[in-house]
Amino acid sequence: MAKAAADALEAKKKADADAAQQAAQQQAAQQAAQQQAAQEAAQQQAAQQAAAQQAAQQQAAQQAAQQQAAQQQAPSSVYYANCTAARAAGAAPIYRGQPGYRPALDRDNDGVACE
């Protein structure tokens, strides 16, 4: 009878050890899956940031091109000899791209002449 009890005890210990090993394996698998999911989320976020940055750069380039085109399209049919003449005509200040603007009237080169 003692041998049967010892065998039963040994079998229980082995079953407990197997159950603990399976639980450890399951936990390790869950941790690996969580790490993989976190890594995929980080990659996705990085891709989204890169796409957003590229879109912002494209938008900035497009705006710069539009501004440059607007400046080139505004031919100056008005000429002011100096800022006094521009003020007398009621045109001062004159912004870059507006008719009558020219760099000679813009002393500090900030895009605003006869300020």
PDB file of N, CA and C in Angstrom:
ATOM      1  N   MET A   1       0.806  -1.172   0.000  1.00  0.00           N
ATOM      2  CA  MET A   1       0.000   0.000   0.000  1.00  0.00           C
ATOM      3  C   MET A   1       0.866   1.260   0.000  1.00  0.00           C
ATOM      4  N   ALA A   2       1.987   1.236   0.706  1.00  0.00           N
ATOM      5  CA  ALA A   2       2.888   2.377   0.772  1.00  0.00           C
ATOM      6  C   ALA A   2       3.494   2.637  -0.603  1.00  0.00           C
ATOM      7  N   LYS A   3       3.747   1.524  -1.334  1.00  0.00           N
ATOM      8  CA  LYS A   3       4.304   1.689  -2.671  1.00  0.00           C
ATOM      9  C   LYS A   3       3.281   2.347  -3.584  1.00  0.00           C
ATOM     10  N   ALA A   4       2.026   2.010  -3.479  1.00  0.00           N
ATOM     11  CA  ALA A   4       0.972   2.610  -4.299  1.00  0.00           C
ATOM     12  C   ALA A   4       0.836   4.087  -3.969  1.00  0.00           C
ATOM     13  N   ALA A   5       0.936   4.412  -2.682  1.00  0.00           N
ATOM     14  CA  ALA A   5       0.846   5.814  -2.277  1.00  0.00           C
ATOM     15  C   ALA A   5       2.051   6.596  -2.796  1.00  0.00           C
ATOM     16  N   ALA A   6       3.234   5.983  -2.731  1.00  0.00           N
ATOM     17  CA  ALA A   6       4.435   6.641  -3.223  1.00  0.00           C
ATOM     18  C   ALA A   6       4.343   6.838  -4.735  1.00  0.00           C
ATOM     19  N   ASP A   7       3.831   5.830  -5.450  1.00  0.00           N
ATOM     20  CA  ASP A   7       3.667   5.948  -6.901  1.00  0.00           C
ATOM     21  C   ASP A   7       2.659   7.054  -7.245  1.00  0.00           C
ATOM     22  N   ALA A   8       1.568   7.112  -6.474  1.00  0.00           N
ATOM     23  CA  ALA A   8       0.548   8.130  -6.705  1.00  0.00           C
ATOM     24  C   ALA A   8       1.126   9.525  -6.454  1.00  0.00           C
ATOM     25  N   LEU A   9       1.921   9.614  -5.367  1.00  0.00           N
ATOM     26  CA  LEU A   9       2.552  10.894  -5.034  1.00  0.00           C
ATOM     27  C   LEU A   9       3.536  11.308  -6.136  1.00  0.00           C
ATOM     28  N   GLU A  10       4.294  10.341  -6.623  1.00  0.00           N
ATOM     29  CA  GLU A  10       5.253  10.602  -7.698  1.00  0.00           C
ATOM     30  C   GLU A  10       4.525  11.030  -8.966  1.00  0.00           C
ATOM     31  N   ALA A  11       3.422  10.374  -9.291  1.00  0.00           N
ATOM     32  CA  ALA A  11       2.638  10.718 -10.468  1.00  0.00           C
ATOM     33  C   ALA A  11       2.064  12.127 -10.337  1.00  0.00           C
ATOM     34  N   LYS A  12       1.604  12.471  -9.127  1.00  0.00           N
ATOM     35  CA  LYS A  12       1.057  13.814  -8.891  1.00  0.00           C
ATOM     36  C   LYS A  12       2.152  14.865  -9.056  1.00  0.00           C
ATOM     37  N   LYS A  13       3.344  14.595  -8.533  1.00  0.00           N
ATOM     38  CA  LYS A  13       4.449  15.536  -8.665  1.00  0.00           C
ATOM     39  C   LYS A  13       4.801  15.748 -10.140  1.00  0.00           C
ATOM     40  N   LYS A  14       4.810  14.625 -10.902  1.00  0.00           N
ATOM     41  CA  LYS A  14       5.132  14.719 -12.315  1.00  0.00           C
ATOM     42  C   LYS A  14       4.049  15.508 -13.057  1.00  0.00           C
ATOM     43  N   ALA A  15       2.791  15.277 -12.718  1.00  0.00           N
ATOM     44  CA  ALA A  15       1.690  16.007 -13.356  1.00  0.00           C
ATOM     45  C   ALA A  15       1.777  17.494 -13.017  1.00  0.00           C
ATOM     46  N   ASP A  16       2.098  17.799 -11.781  1.00  0.00           N
ATOM     47  CA  ASP A  16       2.249  19.203 -11.371  1.00  0.00           C
ATOM     48  C   ASP A  16       3.413  19.861 -12.117  1.00  0.00           C
ATOM     49  N   ALA A  17       4.520  19.140 -12.255  1.00  0.00           N
ATOM     50  CA  ALA A  17       5.678  19.679 -12.957  1.00  0.00           C
ATOM     51  C   ALA A  17       5.343  19.917 -14.430  1.00  0.00           C
ATOM     52  N   ASP A  18       4.624  18.965 -15.043  1.00  0.00           N
ATOM     53  CA  ASP A  18       4.221  19.115 -16.441  1.00  0.00           C
ATOM     54  C   ASP A  18       3.283  20.310 -16.603  1.00  0.00           C
ATOM     55  N   ALA A  19       2.347  20.469 -15.687  1.00  0.00           N
ATOM     56  CA  ALA A  19       1.406  21.589 -15.739  1.00  0.00           C
ATOM     57  C   ALA A  19       2.152  22.916 -15.586  1.00  0.00           C
ATOM     58  N   ALA A  20       3.129  22.954 -14.687  1.00  0.00           N
ATOM     59  CA  ALA A  20       3.913  24.180 -14.485  1.00  0.00           C
ATOM     60  C   ALA A  20       4.724  24.497 -15.739  1.00  0.00           C
ATOM     61  N   GLN A  21       5.274  23.457 -16.367  1.00  0.00           N
ATOM     62  CA  GLN A  21       6.054  23.670 -17.582  1.00  0.00           C
ATOM     63  C   GLN A  21       5.161  24.187 -18.710  1.00  0.00           C
ATOM     64  N   GLN A  22       3.973  23.623 -18.828  1.00  0.00           N
ATOM     65  CA  GLN A  22       3.046  24.074 -19.865  1.00  0.00           C
ATOM     66  C   GLN A  22       2.624  25.529 -19.621  1.00  0.00           C
ATOM     67  N   ALA A  23       2.378  25.854 -18.351  1.00  0.00           N
ATOM     68  CA  ALA A  23       1.995  27.225 -18.015  1.00  0.00           C
ATOM     69  C   ALA A  23       3.132  28.189 -18.351  1.00  0.00           C
ATOM     70  N   ALA A  24       4.359  27.779 -18.080  1.00  0.00           N
ATOM     71  CA  ALA A  24       5.515  28.626 -18.393  1.00  0.00           C
ATOM     72  C   ALA A  24       5.651  28.813 -19.908  1.00  0.00           C
ATOM     73  N   GLN A  25       5.424  27.741 -20.652  1.00  0.00           N
ATOM     74  CA  GLN A  25       5.504  27.825 -22.105  1.00  0.00           C
ATOM     75  C   GLN A  25       4.409  28.746 -22.656  1.00  0.00           C
ATOM     76  N   GLN A  26       3.203  28.629 -22.096  1.00  0.00           N
ATOM     77  CA  GLN A  26       2.106  29.485 -22.541  1.00  0.00           C
ATOM     78  C   GLN A  26       2.410  30.954 -22.238  1.00  0.00           C
ATOM     79  N   GLN A  27       2.953  31.200 -21.058  1.00  0.00           N
ATOM     80  CA  GLN A  27       3.285  32.568 -20.677  1.00  0.00           C
ATOM     81  C   GLN A  27       4.380  33.123 -21.598  1.00  0.00           C
ATOM     82  N   ALA A  28       5.365  32.306 -21.903  1.00  0.00           N
ATOM     83  CA  ALA A  28       6.432  32.740 -22.804  1.00  0.00           C
ATOM     84  C   ALA A  28       5.867  33.037 -24.194  1.00  0.00           C
ATOM     85  N   ALA A  29       4.946  32.210 -24.654  1.00  0.00           N
ATOM     86  CA  ALA A  29       4.336  32.424 -25.956  1.00  0.00           C
ATOM     87  C   ALA A  29       3.517  33.720 -25.957  1.00  0.00           C
ATOM     88  N   GLN A  30       2.804  33.969 -24.866  1.00  0.00           N
ATOM     89  CA  GLN A  30       2.028  35.202 -24.770  1.00  0.00           C
ATOM     90  C   GLN A  30       2.945  36.424 -24.770  1.00  0.00           C
ATOM     91  N   GLN A  31       4.041  36.343 -24.056  1.00  0.00           N
ATOM     92  CA  GLN A  31       4.986  37.452 -24.014  1.00  0.00           C
ATOM     93  C   GLN A  31       5.593  37.696 -25.393  1.00  0.00           C
ATOM     94  N   ALA A  32       5.918  36.638 -26.088  1.00  0.00           N
ATOM     95  CA  ALA A  32       6.471  36.776 -27.431  1.00  0.00           C
ATOM     96  C   ALA A  32       5.450  37.425 -28.365  1.00  0.00           C
ATOM     97  N   ALA A  33       4.188  37.016 -28.243  1.00  0.00           N
ATOM     98  CA  ALA A  33       3.138  37.599 -29.073  1.00  0.00           C
ATOM     99  C   ALA A  33       2.949  39.080 -28.740  1.00  0.00           C
ATOM    100  N   GLN A  34       3.016  39.432 -27.470  1.00  0.00           N
ATOM    101  CA  GLN A  34       2.881  40.835 -27.070  1.00  0.00           C
ATOM    102  C   GLN A  34       4.049  41.662 -27.601  1.00  0.00           C
ATOM    103  N   GLN A  35       5.242  41.113 -27.530  1.00  0.00           N
ATOM    104  CA  GLN A  35       6.413  41.826 -28.038  1.00  0.00           C
ATOM    105  C   GLN A  35       6.307  42.037 -29.541  1.00  0.00           C
ATOM    106  N   GLN A  36       5.849  41.014 -30.239  1.00  0.00           N
ATOM    107  CA  GLN A  36       5.700  41.127 -31.684  1.00  0.00           C
ATOM    108  C   GLN A  36       4.638  42.167 -32.025  1.00  0.00           C
ATOM    109  N   ALA A  37       3.522  42.172 -31.291  1.00  0.00           N
ATOM    110  CA  ALA A  37       2.472  43.148 -31.533  1.00  0.00           C
ATOM    111  C   ALA A  37       2.976  44.561 -31.257  1.00  0.00           C
ATOM    112  N   ALA A  38       3.745  44.727 -30.196  1.00  0.00           N
ATOM    113  CA  ALA A  38       4.300  46.046 -29.870  1.00  0.00           C
ATOM    114  C   ALA A  38       5.268  46.497 -30.955  1.00  0.00           C
ATOM    115  N   GLN A  39       6.073  45.581 -31.449  1.00  0.00           N
ATOM    116  CA  GLN A  39       7.031  45.908 -32.504  1.00  0.00           C
ATOM    117  C   GLN A  39       6.302  46.301 -33.792  1.00  0.00           C
ATOM    118  N   GLU A  40       5.246  45.580 -34.129  1.00  0.00           N
ATOM    119  CA  GLU A  40       4.477  45.906 -35.322  1.00  0.00           C
ATOM    120  C   GLU A  40       3.802  47.266 -35.178  1.00  0.00           C
ATOM    121  N   ALA A  41       3.290  47.550 -33.976  1.00  0.00           N
ATOM    122  CA  ALA A  41       2.660  48.849 -33.735  1.00  0.00           C
ATOM    123  C   ALA A  41       3.684  49.969 -33.862  1.00  0.00           C
ATOM    124  N   ALA A  42       4.873  49.755 -33.359  1.00  0.00           N
ATOM    125  CA  ALA A  42       5.931  50.770 -33.469  1.00  0.00           C
ATOM    126  C   ALA A  42       6.313  50.992 -34.930  1.00  0.00           C
ATOM    127  N   GLN A  43       6.392  49.925 -35.703  1.00  0.00           N
ATOM    128  CA  GLN A  43       6.723  50.059 -37.122  1.00  0.00           C
ATOM    129  C   GLN A  43       5.617  50.811 -37.861  1.00  0.00           C
ATOM    130  N   GLN A  44       4.380  50.505 -37.518  1.00  0.00           N
ATOM    131  CA  GLN A  44       3.254  51.173 -38.164  1.00  0.00           C
ATOM    132  C   GLN A  44       3.258  52.667 -37.820  1.00  0.00           C
ATOM    133  N   GLN A  45       3.528  52.988 -36.567  1.00  0.00           N
ATOM    134  CA  GLN A  45       3.580  54.384 -36.147  1.00  0.00           C
ATOM    135  C   GLN A  45       4.716  55.111 -36.862  1.00  0.00           C
ATOM    136  N   ALA A  46       5.853  54.467 -36.981  1.00  0.00           N
ATOM    137  CA  ALA A  46       6.986  55.081 -37.686  1.00  0.00           C
ATOM    138  C   ALA A  46       6.633  55.321 -39.156  1.00  0.00           C
ATOM    139  N   ALA A  47       5.940  54.383 -39.761  1.00  0.00           N
ATOM    140  CA  ALA A  47       5.541  54.547 -41.158  1.00  0.00           C
ATOM    141  C   ALA A  47       4.550  55.704 -41.302  1.00  0.00           C
ATOM    142  N   GLN A  48       3.630  55.832 -40.347  1.00  0.00           N
ATOM    143  CA  GLN A  48       2.667  56.928 -40.386  1.00  0.00           C
ATOM    144  C   GLN A  48       3.369  58.271 -40.215  1.00  0.00           C
ATOM    145  N   GLN A  49       4.331  58.327 -39.314  1.00  0.00           N
ATOM    146  CA  GLN A  49       5.079  59.565 -39.105  1.00  0.00           C
ATOM    147  C   GLN A  49       5.863  59.938 -40.361  1.00  0.00           C
ATOM    148  N   ALA A  50       6.467  58.947 -40.988  1.00  0.00           N
ATOM    149  CA  ALA A  50       7.228  59.215 -42.209  1.00  0.00           C
ATOM    150  C   ALA A  50       6.297  59.719 -43.308  1.00  0.00           C
ATOM    151  N   ALA A  51       5.126  59.118 -43.425  1.00  0.00           N
ATOM    152  CA  ALA A  51       4.157  59.552 -44.437  1.00  0.00           C
ATOM    153  C   ALA A  51       3.675  60.968 -44.144  1.00  0.00           C
ATOM    154  N   ALA A  52       3.421  61.275 -42.882  1.00  0.00           N
ATOM    155  CA  ALA A  52       2.979  62.616 -42.513  1.00  0.00           C
ATOM    156  C   ALA A  52       4.074  63.645 -42.794  1.00  0.00           C
ATOM    157  N   GLN A  53       5.305  63.284 -42.499  1.00  0.00           N
ATOM    158  CA  GLN A  53       6.421  64.194 -42.747  1.00  0.00           C
ATOM    159  C   GLN A  53       6.583  64.433 -44.255  1.00  0.00           C
ATOM    160  N   GLN A  54       6.460  63.384 -45.031  1.00  0.00           N
ATOM    161  CA  GLN A  54       6.582  63.525 -46.477  1.00  0.00           C
ATOM    162  C   GLN A  54       5.450  64.396 -47.025  1.00  0.00           C
ATOM    163  N   ALA A  55       4.237  64.203 -46.510  1.00  0.00           N
ATOM    164  CA  ALA A  55       3.106  65.013 -46.951  1.00  0.00           C
ATOM    165  C   ALA A  55       3.321  66.480 -46.590  1.00  0.00           C
ATOM    166  N   ALA A  56       3.855  66.735 -45.409  1.00  0.00           N
ATOM    167  CA  ALA A  56       4.127  68.113 -44.991  1.00  0.00           C
ATOM    168  C   ALA A  56       5.190  68.748 -45.884  1.00  0.00           C
ATOM    169  N   GLN A  57       6.210  67.979 -46.232  1.00  0.00           N
ATOM    170  CA  GLN A  57       7.253  68.503 -47.117  1.00  0.00           C
ATOM    171  C   GLN A  57       6.689  68.808 -48.505  1.00  0.00           C
ATOM    172  N   GLN A  58       5.835  67.932 -49.002  1.00  0.00           N
ATOM    173  CA  GLN A  58       5.236  68.161 -50.311  1.00  0.00           C
ATOM    174  C   GLN A  58       4.353  69.405 -50.289  1.00  0.00           C
ATOM    175  N   GLN A  59       3.601  69.556 -49.202  1.00  0.00           N
ATOM    176  CA  GLN A  59       2.729  70.718 -49.086  1.00  0.00           C
ATOM    177  C   GLN A  59       3.554  72.004 -49.016  1.00  0.00           C
ATOM    178  N   ALA A  60       4.636  71.982 -48.254  1.00  0.00           N
ATOM    179  CA  ALA A  60       5.499  73.157 -48.152  1.00  0.00           C
ATOM    180  C   ALA A  60       6.118  73.486 -49.505  1.00  0.00           C
ATOM    181  N   ALA A  61       6.551  72.476 -50.227  1.00  0.00           N
ATOM    182  CA  ALA A  61       7.131  72.701 -51.546  1.00  0.00           C
ATOM    183  C   ALA A  61       6.084  73.266 -52.505  1.00  0.00           C
ATOM    184  N   GLN A  62       4.873  72.760 -52.399  1.00  0.00           N
ATOM    185  CA  GLN A  62       3.800  73.243 -53.267  1.00  0.00           C
ATOM    186  C   GLN A  62       3.474  74.706 -52.952  1.00  0.00           C
ATOM    187  N   GLN A  63       3.423  75.044 -51.675  1.00  0.00           N
ATOM    188  CA  GLN A  63       3.144  76.428 -51.292  1.00  0.00           C
ATOM    189  C   GLN A  63       4.262  77.357 -51.759  1.00  0.00           C
ATOM    190  N   ALA A  64       5.497  76.903 -51.606  1.00  0.00           N
ATOM    191  CA  ALA A  64       6.627  77.720 -52.061  1.00  0.00           C
ATOM    192  C   ALA A  64       6.556  77.940 -53.570  1.00  0.00           C
ATOM    193  N   ALA A  65       6.202  76.909 -54.302  1.00  0.00           N
ATOM    194  CA  ALA A  65       6.083  77.032 -55.756  1.00  0.00           C
ATOM    195  C   ALA A  65       4.957  77.994 -56.120  1.00  0.00           C
ATOM    196  N   GLN A  66       3.850  77.933 -55.390  1.00  0.00           N
ATOM    197  CA  GLN A  66       2.733  78.842 -55.657  1.00  0.00           C
ATOM    198  C   GLN A  66       3.121  80.290 -55.369  1.00  0.00           C
ATOM    199  N   GLN A  67       3.837  80.509 -54.271  1.00  0.00           N
ATOM    200  CA  GLN A  67       4.272  81.862 -53.939  1.00  0.00           C
ATOM    201  C   GLN A  67       5.227  82.395 -55.000  1.00  0.00           C
ATOM    202  N   GLN A  68       6.140  81.558 -55.419  1.00  0.00           N
ATOM    203  CA  GLN A  68       7.096  81.984 -56.433  1.00  0.00           C
ATOM    204  C   GLN A  68       6.377  82.290 -57.748  1.00  0.00           C
ATOM    205  N   ALA A  69       5.409  81.456 -58.096  1.00  0.00           N
ATOM    206  CA  ALA A  69       4.653  81.686 -59.322  1.00  0.00           C
ATOM    207  C   ALA A  69       3.860  82.984 -59.220  1.00  0.00           C
ATOM    208  N   ALA A  70       3.287  83.244 -58.053  1.00  0.00           N
ATOM    209  CA  ALA A  70       2.523  84.473 -57.868  1.00  0.00           C
ATOM    210  C   ALA A  70       3.427  85.694 -57.990  1.00  0.00           C
ATOM    211  N   GLN A  71       4.628  85.595 -57.458  1.00  0.00           N
ATOM    212  CA  GLN A  71       5.560  86.713 -57.558  1.00  0.00           C
ATOM    213  C   GLN A  71       5.995  86.937 -59.001  1.00  0.00           C
ATOM    214  N   GLN A  72       6.185  85.869 -59.723  1.00  0.00           N
ATOM    215  CA  GLN A  72       6.624  85.990 -61.112  1.00  0.00           C
ATOM    216  C   GLN A  72       5.492  86.452 -62.014  1.00  0.00           C
ATOM    217  N   GLN A  73       4.249  86.158 -61.642  1.00  0.00           N
ATOM    218  CA  GLN A  73       3.118  86.507 -62.481  1.00  0.00           C
ATOM    219  C   GLN A  73       2.695  87.965 -62.309  1.00  0.00           C
ATOM    220  N   ALA A  74       3.172  88.624 -61.281  1.00  0.00           N
ATOM    221  CA  ALA A  74       2.758  89.990 -61.030  1.00  0.00           C
ATOM    222  C   ALA A  74       3.725  90.966 -61.698  1.00  0.00           C
ATOM    223  N   PRO A  75       3.537  91.208 -62.975  1.00  0.00           N
ATOM    224  CA  PRO A  75       4.427  92.152 -63.630  1.00  0.00           C
ATOM    225  C   PRO A  75       4.142  93.556 -63.105  1.00  0.00           C
ATOM    226  N   SER A  76       5.166  94.262 -62.897  1.00  0.00           N
ATOM    227  CA  SER A  76       5.021  95.593 -62.338  1.00  0.00           C
ATOM    228  C   SER A  76       4.799  96.601 -63.456  1.00  0.00           C
ATOM    229  N   SER A  77       3.578  97.106 -63.542  1.00  0.00           N
ATOM    230  CA  SER A  77       3.287  98.141 -64.518  1.00  0.00           C
ATOM    231  C   SER A  77       3.324  99.507 -63.833  1.00  0.00           C
ATOM    232  N   VAL A  78       3.606  99.483 -62.521  1.00  0.00           N
ATOM    233  CA  VAL A  78       3.673 100.718 -61.754  1.00  0.00           C
ATOM    234  C   VAL A  78       5.115 100.910 -61.317  1.00  0.00           C
ATOM    235  N   TYR A  79       5.576 102.142 -61.419  1.00  0.00           N
ATOM    236  CA  TYR A  79       6.945 102.435 -61.007  1.00  0.00           C
ATOM    237  C   TYR A  79       6.917 103.660 -60.102  1.00  0.00           C
ATOM    238  N   TYR A  80       7.542 103.499 -58.952  1.00  0.00           N
ATOM    239  CA  TYR A  80       7.687 104.619 -58.025  1.00  0.00           C
ATOM    240  C   TYR A  80       9.164 104.943 -57.947  1.00  0.00           C
ATOM    241  N   ALA A  81       9.509 106.169 -58.184  1.00  0.00           N
ATOM    242  CA  ALA A  81      10.905 106.587 -58.176  1.00  0.00           C
ATOM    243  C   ALA A  81      11.509 106.431 -56.791  1.00  0.00           C
ATOM    244  N   ASN A  82      10.681 106.689 -55.763  1.00  0.00           N
ATOM    245  CA  ASN A  82      11.146 106.563 -54.388  1.00  0.00           C
ATOM    246  C   ASN A  82       9.935 106.370 -53.481  1.00  0.00           C
ATOM    247  N   CYS A  83      10.188 106.227 -52.208  1.00  0.00           N
ATOM    248  CA  CYS A  83       9.101 105.972 -51.261  1.00  0.00           C
ATOM    249  C   CYS A  83       8.202 107.195 -51.096  1.00  0.00           C
ATOM    250  N   THR A  84       8.739 108.366 -51.269  1.00  0.00           N
ATOM    251  CA  THR A  84       7.915 109.573 -51.184  1.00  0.00           C
ATOM    252  C   THR A  84       6.842 109.537 -52.269  1.00  0.00           C
ATOM    253  N   ALA A  85       7.221 109.129 -53.467  1.00  0.00           N
ATOM    254  CA  ALA A  85       6.258 109.027 -54.567  1.00  0.00           C
ATOM    255  C   ALA A  85       5.231 107.938 -54.275  1.00  0.00           C
ATOM    256  N   ALA A  86       5.671 106.820 -53.692  1.00  0.00           N
ATOM    257  CA  ALA A  86       4.745 105.738 -53.358  1.00  0.00           C
ATOM    258  C   ALA A  86       3.759 106.188 -52.288  1.00  0.00           C
ATOM    259  N   ARG A  87       4.256 106.921 -51.285  1.00  0.00           N
ATOM    260  CA  ARG A  87       3.363 107.422 -50.230  1.00  0.00           C
ATOM    261  C   ARG A  87       2.378 108.440 -50.793  1.00  0.00           C
ATOM    262  N   ALA A  88       2.859 109.285 -51.680  1.00  0.00           N
ATOM    263  CA  ALA A  88       1.987 110.299 -52.282  1.00  0.00           C
ATOM    264  C   ALA A  88       0.866 109.646 -53.096  1.00  0.00           C
ATOM    265  N   ALA A  89       1.160 108.491 -53.681  1.00  0.00           N
ATOM    266  CA  ALA A  89       0.160 107.769 -54.469  1.00  0.00           C
ATOM    267  C   ALA A  89      -0.743 106.913 -53.574  1.00  0.00           C
ATOM    268  N   GLY A  90      -0.414 106.854 -52.282  1.00  0.00           N
ATOM    269  CA  GLY A  90      -1.213 106.055 -51.353  1.00  0.00           C
ATOM    270  C   GLY A  90      -0.932 104.570 -51.445  1.00  0.00           C
ATOM    271  N   ALA A  91       0.213 104.215 -51.993  1.00  0.00           N
ATOM    272  CA  ALA A  91       0.542 102.801 -52.204  1.00  0.00           C
ATOM    273  C   ALA A  91       1.404 102.209 -51.099  1.00  0.00           C
ATOM    274  N   ALA A  92       1.983 103.041 -50.244  1.00  0.00           N
ATOM    275  CA  ALA A  92       2.912 102.538 -49.223  1.00  0.00           C
ATOM    276  C   ALA A  92       2.126 101.936 -48.058  1.00  0.00           C
ATOM    277  N   PRO A  93       2.575 100.882 -47.436  1.00  0.00           N
ATOM    278  CA  PRO A  93       3.736 100.070 -47.788  1.00  0.00           C
ATOM    279  C   PRO A  93       3.434  99.155 -48.977  1.00  0.00           C
ATOM    280  N   ILE A  94       4.475  98.805 -49.678  1.00  0.00           N
ATOM    281  CA  ILE A  94       4.347  97.936 -50.841  1.00  0.00           C
ATOM    282  C   ILE A  94       4.992  96.599 -50.486  1.00  0.00           C
ATOM    283  N   TYR A  95       4.222  95.518 -50.651  1.00  0.00           N
ATOM    284  CA  TYR A  95       4.717  94.184 -50.305  1.00  0.00           C
ATOM    285  C   TYR A  95       5.295  93.497 -51.536  1.00  0.00           C
ATOM    286  N   ARG A  96       6.274  92.636 -51.291  1.00  0.00           N
ATOM    287  CA  ARG A  96       6.916  91.893 -52.376  1.00  0.00           C
ATOM    288  C   ARG A  96       5.832  91.165 -53.164  1.00  0.00           C
ATOM    289  N   GLY A  97       5.860  91.301 -54.461  1.00  0.00           N
ATOM    290  CA  GLY A  97       4.867  90.664 -55.320  1.00  0.00           C
ATOM    291  C   GLY A  97       3.792  91.638 -55.772  1.00  0.00           C
ATOM    292  N   GLN A  98       3.661  92.763 -55.106  1.00  0.00           N
ATOM    293  CA  GLN A  98       2.676  93.754 -55.518  1.00  0.00           C
ATOM    294  C   GLN A  98       3.263  94.656 -56.596  1.00  0.00           C
ATOM    295  N   PRO A  99       2.403  95.189 -57.461  1.00  0.00           N
ATOM    296  CA  PRO A  99       2.892  96.126 -58.477  1.00  0.00           C
ATOM    297  C   PRO A  99       3.561  97.326 -57.805  1.00  0.00           C
ATOM    298  N   GLY A 100       4.690  97.719 -58.316  1.00  0.00           N
ATOM    299  CA  GLY A 100       5.426  98.851 -57.771  1.00  0.00           C
ATOM    300  C   GLY A 100       6.530  98.458 -56.810  1.00  0.00           C
ATOM    301  N   TYR A 101       6.505  97.221 -56.339  1.00  0.00           N
ATOM    302  CA  TYR A 101       7.568  96.785 -55.423  1.00  0.00           C
ATOM    303  C   TYR A 101       8.840  96.559 -56.218  1.00  0.00           C
ATOM    304  N   ARG A 102       9.929  96.992 -55.637  1.00  0.00           N
ATOM    305  CA  ARG A 102      11.233  96.673 -56.183  1.00  0.00           C
ATOM    306  C   ARG A 102      12.235  96.680 -55.035  1.00  0.00           C
ATOM    307  N   PRO A 103      13.262  95.887 -55.134  1.00  0.00           N
ATOM    308  CA  PRO A 103      14.217  95.755 -54.029  1.00  0.00           C
ATOM    309  C   PRO A 103      14.863  97.074 -53.611  1.00  0.00           C
ATOM    310  N   ALA A 104      14.989  98.035 -54.526  1.00  0.00           N
ATOM    311  CA  ALA A 104      15.623  99.312 -54.175  1.00  0.00           C
ATOM    312  C   ALA A 104      14.803 100.084 -53.142  1.00  0.00           C
ATOM    313  N   LEU A 105      13.498  99.825 -53.084  1.00  0.00           N
ATOM    314  CA  LEU A 105      12.642 100.516 -52.119  1.00  0.00           C
ATOM    315  C   LEU A 105      12.567  99.781 -50.781  1.00  0.00           C
ATOM    316  N   ASP A 106      13.093  98.570 -50.757  1.00  0.00           N
ATOM    317  CA  ASP A 106      13.042  97.734 -49.552  1.00  0.00           C
ATOM    318  C   ASP A 106      14.435  97.709 -48.919  1.00  0.00           C
ATOM    319  N   ARG A 107      14.693  98.625 -47.999  1.00  0.00           N
ATOM    320  CA  ARG A 107      16.030  98.774 -47.430  1.00  0.00           C
ATOM    321  C   ARG A 107      16.492  97.555 -46.639  1.00  0.00           C
ATOM    322  N   ASP A 108      15.594  97.011 -45.811  1.00  0.00           N
ATOM    323  CA  ASP A 108      16.010  95.885 -44.946  1.00  0.00           C
ATOM    324  C   ASP A 108      15.707  94.528 -45.575  1.00  0.00           C
ATOM    325  N   ASN A 109      15.224  94.494 -46.792  1.00  0.00           N
ATOM    326  CA  ASN A 109      14.977  93.262 -47.540  1.00  0.00           C
ATOM    327  C   ASN A 109      14.092  92.289 -46.781  1.00  0.00           C
ATOM    328  N   ASP A 110      13.013  92.827 -46.189  1.00  0.00           N
ATOM    329  CA  ASP A 110      12.079  91.965 -45.455  1.00  0.00           C
ATOM    330  C   ASP A 110      10.803  91.725 -46.232  1.00  0.00           C
ATOM    331  N   GLY A 111      10.756  92.195 -47.466  1.00  0.00           N
ATOM    332  CA  GLY A 111       9.590  91.962 -48.296  1.00  0.00           C
ATOM    333  C   GLY A 111       8.579  93.091 -48.216  1.00  0.00           C
ATOM    334  N   VAL A 112       8.885  94.145 -47.465  1.00  0.00           N
ATOM    335  CA  VAL A 112       7.984  95.284 -47.340  1.00  0.00           C
ATOM    336  C   VAL A 112       8.768  96.547 -47.698  1.00  0.00           C
ATOM    337  N   ALA A 113       8.358  97.194 -48.770  1.00  0.00           N
ATOM    338  CA  ALA A 113       9.048  98.411 -49.209  1.00  0.00           C
ATOM    339  C   ALA A 113       8.304  99.629 -48.693  1.00  0.00           C
ATOM    340  N   CYS A 114       9.024 100.674 -48.447  1.00  0.00           N
ATOM    341  CA  CYS A 114       8.450 101.966 -48.015  1.00  0.00           C
ATOM    342  C   CYS A 114       7.630 101.830 -46.740  1.00  0.00           C
ATOM    343  N   GLU A 115       8.207 101.137 -45.769  1.00  0.00           N
ATOM    344  CA  GLU A 115       7.486 100.952 -44.510  1.00  0.00           C
ATOM    345  C   GLU A 115       7.703 102.114 -43.589  1.00  0.00           C
TER     346      GLU A 115
END
